[in-house]
């Protein structure tokens, strides 16, 4: 195998990582691979790895093969919408196989408003905190922090966050882990960061929003190329600098190559058609303020990555503040579904109901609130179930590979087959994205590959040991 320098593309769940790895594939001529595909299909020599770890949608599936990290910073508001829509595309899949089978449906339809509202109301207030926590994790090189308070935490607390992410804030409350009188928590780091050659701290901060802008886009492609050029093992494969602008023009301006989330029906109206409540927008601004203040402090303000991060987040904050202003001036109209939180619901109730109906409406409000809480619990329990199912399946497959490694040399052909099947999945995606095959054909091929893959894994288990 070629000795590549391997880059992990980290990013909060959204369509941003896809924009980045498509640029890398075009710049260097090699395909990317997802963290979950590494976990399920085994190790391969792909130089670009994309993933959501340590977010609960991700998994550290690539072992110790990564050399450096590039951090994508999506717009906080847009990422919430794209996160939901991608999960919806995959049908809230419970297994890796089901998710893989659903990949040909990515970006093909517009999710229904009811699906979006239910997910938004149950997840967004928490996911805003996960967003900031995610950035902190990579910027600070894997420093262990609480999602909701951002305080330092112990390894036991971290392990619970990783396994019980869908529990409520109350169930994961910081004070449940730290009692009055306990010694101050010493900084601790995720030991997995030792598996990346240059550590978890990113070598570059990339913005997909800027990548898609006509003024800033070519410079963002150049930033991606330069991140690949900092090691000769990959740098020698990167196309000449004179062609970087052409790469940007073909992929972004002329929309050539594999599809992106921008092809989803109605995507161009994402900002206008979907609303967030006052509570949610204020939560986003609070989190952005925290991050901007932190990474512009004396400790960080001379670091190029921190400077870039603050620049990007400052622009994002301005756009969220603009949305709040649109609501205040009446330019943006909120519906009753957008008024969340006890204070806003109470205000709306008093505006709409006469005083003598107060007792009756209190009962109605209580019933409505109870139903909302039931929906929220449904989503948290569903996500926790998906978390358990995926990791249980991954553990079984890892045990298969470990057992196979102990068997005779007769397994080599099957191991080669598994790698070939992994590559085949990537090729199906590329052909589908390029329009060479239609969606139905792609889905049929994925199902066939899945069947052969599982047969091969069973074969690995059945190979007799040497006598």
Protein backbone atom coordinates (compact mmCIF):
# COMPACT_ATOMS: atom_id res chain seq x y z
CA UNK A 1 0.00 0.00 0.00
CA UNK A 2 1.04 3.59 -0.64
CA UNK A 3 2.21 5.42 2.49
CA UNK A 4 -0.26 8.32 2.57
CA UNK A 5 -0.50 11.04 5.13
CA UNK A 6 -4.09 10.55 6.29
CA UNK A 7 -6.41 13.43 7.19
CA UNK A 8 -9.44 13.16 9.48
CA UNK A 9 -12.19 15.63 8.55
CA UNK A 10 -14.03 16.40 11.79
CA UNK A 11 -17.35 18.19 11.87
CA UNK A 12 -20.63 18.54 13.74
CA UNK A 13 -23.37 16.61 11.85
CA UNK A 14 -24.26 18.53 8.68
CA UNK A 15 -23.44 18.45 4.97
CA UNK A 16 -20.15 20.34 5.45
CA UNK A 17 -17.73 17.41 5.64
CA UNK A 18 -18.93 16.24 2.24
CA UNK A 19 -18.06 19.59 0.69
CA UNK A 20 -14.55 19.29 2.12
CA UNK A 21 -13.76 15.72 1.19
CA UNK A 22 -15.04 16.21 -2.36
CA UNK A 23 -12.47 18.98 -2.68
CA UNK A 24 -9.77 16.67 -1.31
CA UNK A 25 -10.76 13.87 -3.68
CA UNK A 26 -10.53 16.24 -6.64
CA UNK A 27 -7.28 17.82 -5.50
CA UNK A 28 -5.43 14.54 -4.87
CA UNK A 29 -7.35 11.93 -6.87
CA UNK A 30 -8.09 9.51 -4.01
CA UNK A 31 -11.44 8.65 -2.35
CA UNK A 32 -12.59 9.39 1.19
CA UNK A 33 -14.17 6.94 3.64
CA UNK A 34 -16.58 7.36 6.53
CA UNK A 35 -15.71 6.57 10.17
CA UNK A 36 -18.55 4.04 10.38
CA UNK A 37 -17.34 2.24 7.24
CA UNK A 38 -13.93 1.83 8.88
CA UNK A 39 -15.61 0.44 12.00
CA UNK A 40 -17.75 -2.07 10.10
CA UNK A 41 -15.77 -2.91 7.00
CA UNK A 42 -12.30 -2.82 8.51
CA UNK A 43 -9.13 -0.84 7.83
CA UNK A 44 -8.27 0.31 4.32
CA UNK A 45 -5.73 2.73 2.91
CA UNK A 46 -8.08 5.66 2.27
CA UNK A 47 -6.21 8.94 2.86
CA UNK A 48 -9.30 10.98 3.78
CA UNK A 49 -11.55 10.01 6.69
CA UNK A 50 -14.70 11.91 7.59
CA UNK A 51 -16.56 11.66 10.86
CA UNK A 52 -18.64 13.15 13.64
CA UNK A 53 -16.73 11.80 16.66
CA UNK A 54 -17.08 12.57 19.57
CA UNK A 55 -20.66 13.61 18.78
CA UNK A 56 -23.11 10.80 19.48
CA UNK A 57 -23.69 10.35 15.73
CA UNK A 58 -20.01 9.41 15.35
CA UNK A 59 -17.61 6.66 16.32
CA UNK A 60 -13.84 6.41 16.45
CA UNK A 61 -13.78 3.72 13.80
CA UNK A 62 -10.45 4.43 12.07
CA UNK A 63 -8.13 3.15 14.79
CA UNK A 64 -4.68 4.74 14.65
CA UNK A 65 -4.39 5.44 10.92
CA UNK A 66 -5.03 9.23 10.95
CA UNK A 67 -2.11 11.68 10.96
CA UNK A 68 -3.82 15.07 11.21
CA UNK A 69 -7.20 16.72 11.70
CA UNK A 70 -9.06 19.36 9.70
CA UNK A 71 -12.04 20.89 11.51
CA UNK A 72 -15.17 21.95 9.63
CA UNK A 73 -17.16 24.75 11.30
CA UNK A 74 -20.75 24.75 9.99
CA UNK A 75 -23.19 27.59 10.55
CA UNK A 76 -24.91 26.74 13.83
CA UNK A 77 -28.43 27.39 12.53
CA UNK A 78 -27.96 25.61 9.21
CA UNK A 79 -26.30 22.63 10.86
CA UNK A 80 -29.40 21.96 12.96
CA UNK A 81 -31.55 21.75 9.83
CA UNK A 82 -29.09 19.65 7.84
CA UNK A 83 -28.46 17.35 10.79
CA UNK A 84 -32.17 16.55 11.05
CA UNK A 85 -32.63 16.15 7.30
CA UNK A 86 -29.74 13.69 6.94
CA UNK A 87 -31.01 11.59 9.85
CA UNK A 88 -34.45 11.68 8.21
CA UNK A 89 -32.96 10.60 4.86
CA UNK A 90 -31.46 7.54 6.56
CA UNK A 91 -34.82 6.66 8.06
CA UNK A 92 -33.56 6.86 11.66
CA UNK A 93 -31.71 3.63 10.83
CA UNK A 94 -30.91 1.28 13.70
CA UNK A 95 -27.99 -0.52 12.06
CA UNK A 96 -25.03 0.33 9.85
CA UNK A 97 -26.41 -1.94 7.11
CA UNK A 98 -29.74 -0.11 7.10
CA UNK A 99 -27.96 3.26 7.00
CA UNK A 100 -25.78 2.06 4.12
CA UNK A 101 -28.82 0.78 2.21
CA UNK A 102 -30.47 4.16 2.61
CA UNK A 103 -27.47 6.21 1.41
CA UNK A 104 -28.69 6.32 -2.21
CA UNK A 105 -31.70 8.28 -0.87
CA UNK A 106 -29.57 11.06 0.59
CA UNK A 107 -30.81 14.53 -0.39
CA UNK A 108 -33.52 13.08 -2.64
CA UNK A 109 -36.58 14.47 -0.85
CA UNK A 110 -37.68 17.32 1.35
CA UNK A 111 -38.59 16.18 4.87
CA UNK A 112 -42.08 16.98 6.11
CA UNK A 113 -42.55 19.95 8.40
CA UNK A 114 -44.10 17.83 11.17
CA UNK A 115 -41.04 15.56 11.26
CA UNK A 116 -38.80 18.59 11.48
CA UNK A 117 -40.81 20.33 14.22
CA UNK A 118 -40.92 17.24 16.43
CA UNK A 119 -37.18 16.66 16.13
CA UNK A 120 -36.41 20.37 16.55
CA UNK A 121 -38.50 20.70 19.70
CA UNK A 122 -36.91 17.66 21.32
CA UNK A 123 -33.26 18.10 20.32
CA UNK A 124 -32.18 21.58 19.25
CA UNK A 125 -31.74 23.22 22.69
CA UNK A 126 -29.37 20.39 23.65
CA UNK A 127 -27.68 20.09 20.25
CA UNK A 128 -26.69 23.78 20.37
CA UNK A 129 -24.60 22.89 23.42
CA UNK A 130 -23.22 19.81 21.68
CA UNK A 131 -22.18 22.11 18.81
CA UNK A 132 -20.02 24.31 21.05
CA UNK A 133 -18.73 21.33 23.01
CA UNK A 134 -17.71 19.65 19.74
CA UNK A 135 -15.61 22.64 18.68
CA UNK A 136 -13.97 22.80 22.11
CA UNK A 137 -13.07 19.10 21.98
CA UNK A 138 -11.03 19.43 18.80
CA UNK A 139 -9.61 22.90 19.43
CA UNK A 140 -8.36 21.84 22.87
CA UNK A 141 -6.88 18.57 21.63
CA UNK A 142 -9.45 16.24 23.22
CA UNK A 143 -9.78 17.94 26.62
CA UNK A 144 -12.67 16.29 28.50
CA UNK A 145 -15.54 18.70 29.22
CA UNK A 146 -19.21 18.53 30.13
CA UNK A 147 -21.58 19.15 27.22
CA UNK A 148 -23.95 21.49 29.04
CA UNK A 149 -21.73 23.43 31.47
CA UNK A 150 -18.45 23.06 29.53
CA UNK A 151 -16.67 22.44 32.82
CA UNK A 152 -13.80 19.97 33.13
CA UNK A 153 -14.99 16.46 33.90
CA UNK A 154 -13.61 13.11 35.01
CA UNK A 155 -13.08 10.14 32.73
CA UNK A 156 -16.08 8.36 34.34
CA UNK A 157 -18.30 11.33 33.57
CA UNK A 158 -16.96 11.39 30.00
CA UNK A 159 -17.71 7.69 29.54
CA UNK A 160 -21.31 8.31 30.59
CA UNK A 161 -21.62 11.18 28.10
CA UNK A 162 -20.39 8.87 25.37
CA UNK A 163 -22.81 6.06 26.23
CA UNK A 164 -25.85 7.94 27.59
CA UNK A 165 -25.87 10.97 25.31
CA UNK A 166 -29.66 10.93 24.81
CA UNK A 167 -30.41 11.20 28.49
CA UNK A 168 -31.82 14.52 29.68
CA UNK A 169 -29.71 17.38 31.01
CA UNK A 170 -31.02 16.53 34.47
CA UNK A 171 -29.92 12.90 34.18
CA UNK A 172 -26.40 13.98 33.14
CA UNK A 173 -26.24 16.98 35.45
CA UNK A 174 -22.69 17.97 36.34
CA UNK A 175 -23.50 18.06 40.07
CA UNK A 176 -24.37 14.36 40.02
CA UNK A 177 -20.70 13.61 39.35
CA UNK A 178 -19.04 16.28 41.48
CA UNK A 179 -20.04 16.64 45.12
CA UNK A 180 -19.43 19.61 47.39
CA UNK A 181 -16.02 19.27 48.99
CA UNK A 182 -14.54 17.16 46.19
CA UNK A 183 -11.04 18.06 45.03
CA UNK A 184 -10.87 20.26 41.90
CA UNK A 185 -10.98 18.24 38.67
CA UNK A 186 -7.62 18.08 36.95
CA UNK A 187 -7.51 18.46 33.15
CA UNK A 188 -7.76 15.09 31.40
CA UNK A 189 -7.65 14.25 27.71
CA UNK A 190 -9.34 11.65 25.55
CA UNK A 191 -6.70 8.90 25.19
CA UNK A 192 -7.90 8.33 21.63
CA UNK A 193 -6.17 11.56 20.60
CA UNK A 194 -2.84 9.80 21.10
CA UNK A 195 -3.81 7.62 18.13
CA UNK A 196 -3.63 10.58 15.71
CA UNK A 197 0.00 11.20 14.80
CA UNK A 198 -0.21 14.97 15.27
CA UNK A 199 -2.93 14.86 17.93
CA UNK A 200 -6.55 16.01 17.83
CA UNK A 201 -5.92 19.74 17.56
CA UNK A 202 -6.74 20.75 13.96
CA UNK A 203 -4.13 21.96 11.49
CA UNK A 204 -6.78 23.97 9.62
CA UNK A 205 -10.28 25.39 10.13
CA UNK A 206 -12.51 25.18 7.06
CA UNK A 207 -15.86 26.84 6.36
CA UNK A 208 -18.23 25.24 3.86
CA UNK A 209 -20.22 28.49 3.85
CA UNK A 210 -17.19 30.36 2.56
CA UNK A 211 -16.31 27.52 0.19
CA UNK A 212 -19.64 28.07 -1.58
CA UNK A 213 -19.22 31.84 -1.85
CA UNK A 214 -17.95 33.20 -5.16
CA UNK A 215 -15.63 35.73 -3.50
CA UNK A 216 -14.13 33.50 -0.79
CA UNK A 217 -14.56 30.03 -2.32
CA UNK A 218 -11.26 29.66 -4.22
CA UNK A 219 -9.31 30.71 -1.12
CA UNK A 220 -11.08 28.01 0.88
CA UNK A 221 -10.10 25.40 -1.71
CA UNK A 222 -6.53 26.66 -1.40
CA UNK A 223 -6.70 26.27 2.41
CA UNK A 224 -7.80 22.66 1.98
CA UNK A 225 -5.00 22.00 -0.52
CA UNK A 226 -2.40 23.57 1.78
CA UNK A 227 -3.51 21.31 4.64
CA UNK A 228 -2.78 18.32 2.37
CA UNK A 229 0.51 19.80 1.22
CA UNK A 230 2.10 19.98 4.67
CA UNK A 231 3.42 16.42 4.33
CA UNK A 232 5.19 15.12 1.22
CA UNK A 233 3.45 11.76 1.50
CA UNK A 234 0.23 13.42 0.34
CA UNK A 235 1.59 16.67 -1.02
CA UNK A 236 3.21 14.96 -3.99
CA UNK A 237 -0.23 13.81 -5.18
CA UNK A 238 -1.96 17.19 -4.92
CA UNK A 239 -2.61 18.81 -8.28
CA UNK A 240 -0.52 21.86 -9.22
CA UNK A 241 -1.51 25.13 -7.56
CA UNK A 242 -2.41 26.65 -10.91
CA UNK A 243 -5.34 24.20 -11.11
CA UNK A 244 -6.81 24.83 -7.64
CA UNK A 245 -9.13 27.58 -8.85
CA UNK A 246 -10.29 25.27 -11.63
CA UNK A 247 -11.15 22.58 -9.05
CA UNK A 248 -13.30 25.10 -7.19
CA UNK A 249 -15.00 26.31 -10.37
CA UNK A 250 -15.88 22.81 -11.55
CA UNK A 251 -17.19 21.52 -8.21
CA UNK A 252 -18.86 24.65 -6.83
CA UNK A 253 -19.62 27.02 -9.68
CA UNK A 254 -20.46 24.42 -12.33
CA UNK A 255 -21.73 21.84 -9.78
CA UNK A 256 -19.90 18.95 -11.40
CA UNK A 257 -18.98 15.76 -9.61
CA UNK A 258 -20.87 13.91 -6.87
CA UNK A 259 -24.03 15.41 -5.42
CA UNK A 260 -24.10 17.49 -2.27
CA UNK A 261 -26.81 18.49 0.16
CA UNK A 262 -27.49 21.55 -2.01
CA UNK A 263 -29.42 19.37 -4.49
CA UNK A 264 -32.15 18.61 -1.95
CA UNK A 265 -35.52 19.96 -3.17
CA UNK A 266 -36.17 23.31 -1.50
CA UNK A 267 -32.63 23.65 -0.13
CA UNK A 268 -32.28 27.16 -1.53
CA UNK A 269 -35.18 28.23 0.72
CA UNK A 270 -33.78 26.66 3.87
CA UNK A 271 -33.43 30.00 5.62
CA UNK A 272 -36.85 31.38 4.74
CA UNK A 273 -39.02 28.30 5.25
CA UNK A 274 -37.84 27.02 8.62
CA UNK A 275 -38.08 28.90 11.88
CA UNK A 276 -36.57 28.61 15.33
CA UNK A 277 -38.11 29.99 18.50
CA UNK A 278 -36.73 32.99 20.39
CA UNK A 279 -35.40 30.56 23.00
CA UNK A 280 -33.48 28.58 20.40
CA UNK A 281 -32.02 31.62 18.66
CA UNK A 282 -30.92 33.13 21.97
CA UNK A 283 -29.36 29.78 22.92
CA UNK A 284 -27.40 29.81 19.64
CA UNK A 285 -26.20 33.38 20.24
CA UNK A 286 -25.18 32.56 23.81
CA UNK A 287 -23.13 29.60 22.64
CA UNK A 288 -21.51 31.62 19.85
CA UNK A 289 -20.70 34.42 22.30
CA UNK A 290 -19.04 31.93 24.62
CA UNK A 291 -16.91 30.47 21.84
CA UNK A 292 -15.95 33.85 20.39
CA UNK A 293 -14.96 35.18 23.81
CA UNK A 294 -12.95 32.08 24.64
CA UNK A 295 -10.97 31.84 21.40
CA UNK A 296 -10.24 35.57 21.20
CA UNK A 297 -8.77 35.57 24.73
CA UNK A 298 -5.06 36.10 25.40
CA UNK A 299 -4.53 32.34 25.61
CA UNK A 300 -5.74 31.81 22.05
CA UNK A 301 -5.63 35.05 20.10
CA UNK A 302 -2.24 34.45 18.46
CA UNK A 303 -3.10 30.98 17.12
CA UNK A 304 -3.98 31.01 13.41
CA UNK A 305 -6.66 28.35 13.90
CA UNK A 306 -8.29 30.33 16.72
CA UNK A 307 -8.18 33.55 14.71
CA UNK A 308 -9.89 31.79 11.80
CA UNK A 309 -12.47 30.20 14.09
CA UNK A 310 -13.41 33.54 15.65
CA UNK A 311 -13.70 35.12 12.20
CA UNK A 312 -16.12 32.43 11.04
CA UNK A 313 -18.21 32.34 14.23
CA UNK A 314 -18.50 36.14 14.31
CA UNK A 315 -20.11 36.06 10.87
CA UNK A 316 -22.46 33.28 11.98
CA UNK A 317 -23.49 35.25 15.07
CA UNK A 318 -24.30 38.29 12.95
CA UNK A 319 -26.67 36.26 10.77
CA UNK A 320 -28.50 34.79 13.79
CA UNK A 321 -28.82 38.28 15.28
CA UNK A 322 -30.22 39.45 11.95
CA UNK A 323 -32.87 36.73 12.15
CA UNK A 324 -33.89 37.91 15.62
CA UNK A 325 -34.17 41.44 14.26
CA UNK A 326 -36.41 40.18 11.44
CA UNK A 327 -38.71 38.65 14.04
CA UNK A 328 -38.82 41.83 16.12
CA UNK A 329 -39.63 44.01 13.10
CA UNK A 330 -42.25 41.59 11.76
CA UNK A 331 -40.34 40.78 8.58
CA UNK A 332 -40.20 37.14 9.72
CA UNK A 333 -43.48 35.73 11.04
CA UNK A 334 -43.45 32.97 13.62
CA UNK A 335 -46.29 30.47 13.87
CA UNK A 336 -47.67 29.08 17.10
CA UNK A 337 -45.37 26.07 16.65
CA UNK A 338 -42.38 28.39 16.93
CA UNK A 339 -43.31 29.79 20.33
CA UNK A 340 -41.58 27.36 22.66
CA UNK A 341 -40.62 27.62 26.29
CA UNK A 342 -42.94 28.24 29.25
CA UNK A 343 -42.59 32.05 29.19
CA UNK A 344 -43.47 32.41 25.51
CA UNK A 345 -46.35 29.93 25.68
CA UNK A 346 -47.80 31.79 28.68
CA UNK A 347 -47.53 35.11 26.85
CA UNK A 348 -49.30 33.72 23.80
CA UNK A 349 -52.01 32.13 25.92
CA UNK A 350 -52.80 35.41 27.69
CA UNK A 351 -52.94 37.31 24.42
CA UNK A 352 -55.39 34.86 22.88
CA UNK A 353 -57.68 33.97 25.82
CA UNK A 354 -60.05 36.03 28.03
CA UNK A 355 -59.36 36.06 31.76
CA UNK A 356 -62.34 33.89 32.75
CA UNK A 357 -60.96 31.02 30.65
CA UNK A 358 -57.70 30.99 32.60
CA UNK A 359 -58.39 27.88 34.66
CA UNK A 360 -59.63 25.91 31.67
CA UNK A 361 -56.63 26.94 29.55
CA UNK A 362 -54.18 26.03 32.30
CA UNK A 363 -55.46 22.47 32.08
CA UNK A 364 -55.17 22.50 28.29
CA UNK A 365 -51.64 23.92 28.47
CA UNK A 366 -50.66 21.23 30.96
CA UNK A 367 -51.98 18.52 28.64
CA UNK A 368 -50.12 20.04 25.68
CA UNK A 369 -46.91 20.26 27.67
CA UNK A 370 -47.32 16.62 28.74
CA UNK A 371 -47.67 15.53 25.11
CA UNK A 372 -44.59 17.54 24.16
CA UNK A 373 -42.56 15.86 26.89
CA UNK A 374 -43.72 12.44 25.67
CA UNK A 375 -42.51 13.33 22.14
CA UNK A 376 -39.18 14.50 23.55
CA UNK A 377 -38.73 11.27 25.48
CA UNK A 378 -39.59 9.30 22.33
CA UNK A 379 -36.76 10.95 20.39
CA UNK A 380 -34.22 10.59 23.20
CA UNK A 381 -35.08 6.93 23.65
CA UNK A 382 -34.97 6.36 19.88
CA UNK A 383 -31.51 7.93 19.57
CA UNK A 384 -30.25 5.97 22.56
CA UNK A 385 -31.55 2.77 20.94
CA UNK A 386 -29.78 3.59 17.65
CA UNK A 387 -26.60 4.25 19.63
CA UNK A 388 -26.76 0.83 21.33
CA UNK A 389 -27.72 -1.07 18.17
CA UNK A 390 -24.90 0.38 16.05
CA UNK A 391 -22.23 -0.21 18.67
CA UNK A 392 -23.48 -3.71 19.42
CA UNK A 393 -23.30 -4.58 15.73
CA UNK A 394 -19.82 -3.03 15.47
CA UNK A 395 -18.64 -5.07 18.47
CA UNK A 396 -19.88 -8.30 16.89
CA UNK A 397 -18.07 -7.57 13.63
CA UNK A 398 -14.90 -6.59 15.49
CA UNK A 399 -15.03 -9.93 17.33
CA UNK A 400 -15.39 -11.68 13.97
CA UNK A 401 -12.29 -9.96 12.64
CA UNK A 402 -10.36 -10.72 15.82
CA UNK A 403 -11.36 -14.38 15.66
CA UNK A 404 -10.40 -14.51 12.00
CA UNK A 405 -6.98 -13.07 12.78
CA UNK A 406 -6.34 -16.01 15.07
CA UNK A 407 -7.22 -18.49 12.35
CA UNK A 408 -4.98 -19.93 9.65
CA UNK A 409 -3.57 -18.10 6.64
CA UNK A 410 -6.51 -19.41 4.65
CA UNK A 411 -8.42 -16.27 5.68
CA UNK A 412 -6.32 -13.92 3.56
CA UNK A 413 -8.53 -14.23 0.51
CA UNK A 414 -11.63 -13.39 2.56
CA UNK A 415 -9.89 -10.40 4.17
CA UNK A 416 -8.93 -9.16 0.72
CA UNK A 417 -12.55 -9.69 -0.31
CA UNK A 418 -13.81 -7.53 2.57
CA UNK A 419 -11.49 -4.73 1.54
CA UNK A 420 -12.62 -5.04 -2.07
CA UNK A 421 -16.27 -4.89 -0.95
CA UNK A 422 -15.53 -1.77 1.08
CA UNK A 423 -14.02 -0.16 -2.00
CA UNK A 424 -17.04 -1.29 -4.03
CA UNK A 425 -19.40 0.61 -1.72
CA UNK A 426 -17.37 3.76 -2.29
CA UNK A 427 -17.50 3.24 -6.06
CA UNK A 428 -21.29 2.75 -6.00
CA UNK A 429 -21.62 6.09 -4.19
CA UNK A 430 -19.37 7.81 -6.73
CA UNK A 431 -21.31 6.36 -9.69
CA UNK A 432 -24.65 7.31 -8.13
CA UNK A 433 -23.50 10.84 -7.33
CA UNK A 434 -22.13 11.32 -10.82
CA UNK A 435 -25.44 10.21 -12.35
CA UNK A 436 -23.90 7.16 -14.07
CA UNK A 437 -26.43 4.85 -12.39
CA UNK A 438 -29.91 5.66 -11.09
CA UNK A 439 -31.06 5.50 -7.48
CA UNK A 440 -32.85 2.15 -7.83
CA UNK A 441 -29.78 0.48 -9.35
CA UNK A 442 -27.54 1.95 -6.64
CA UNK A 443 -29.78 0.62 -3.88
CA UNK A 444 -29.88 -2.83 -5.48
CA UNK A 445 -26.06 -2.91 -5.74
CA UNK A 446 -25.66 -1.81 -2.12
CA UNK A 447 -27.98 -4.60 -0.96
CA UNK A 448 -26.01 -7.17 -2.98
CA UNK A 449 -22.71 -5.93 -1.58
CA UNK A 450 -24.15 -6.06 1.92
CA UNK A 451 -25.23 -9.69 1.44
CA UNK A 452 -21.84 -10.75 0.10
CA UNK A 453 -20.10 -8.85 2.90
CA UNK A 454 -22.05 -10.60 5.61
CA UNK A 455 -21.44 -13.99 3.93
CA UNK A 456 -17.71 -13.24 3.87
CA UNK A 457 -17.73 -12.34 7.55
CA UNK A 458 -19.50 -15.58 8.38
CA UNK A 459 -16.88 -17.35 6.28
CA UNK A 460 -14.14 -15.78 8.33
CA UNK A 461 -15.70 -17.23 11.46
CA UNK A 462 -16.00 -20.69 9.95
CA UNK A 463 -12.39 -21.10 8.80
CA UNK A 464 -10.91 -23.96 10.89
CA UNK A 465 -7.81 -23.34 12.97
CA UNK A 466 -4.56 -25.05 12.07
CA UNK A 467 -3.99 -28.39 13.73
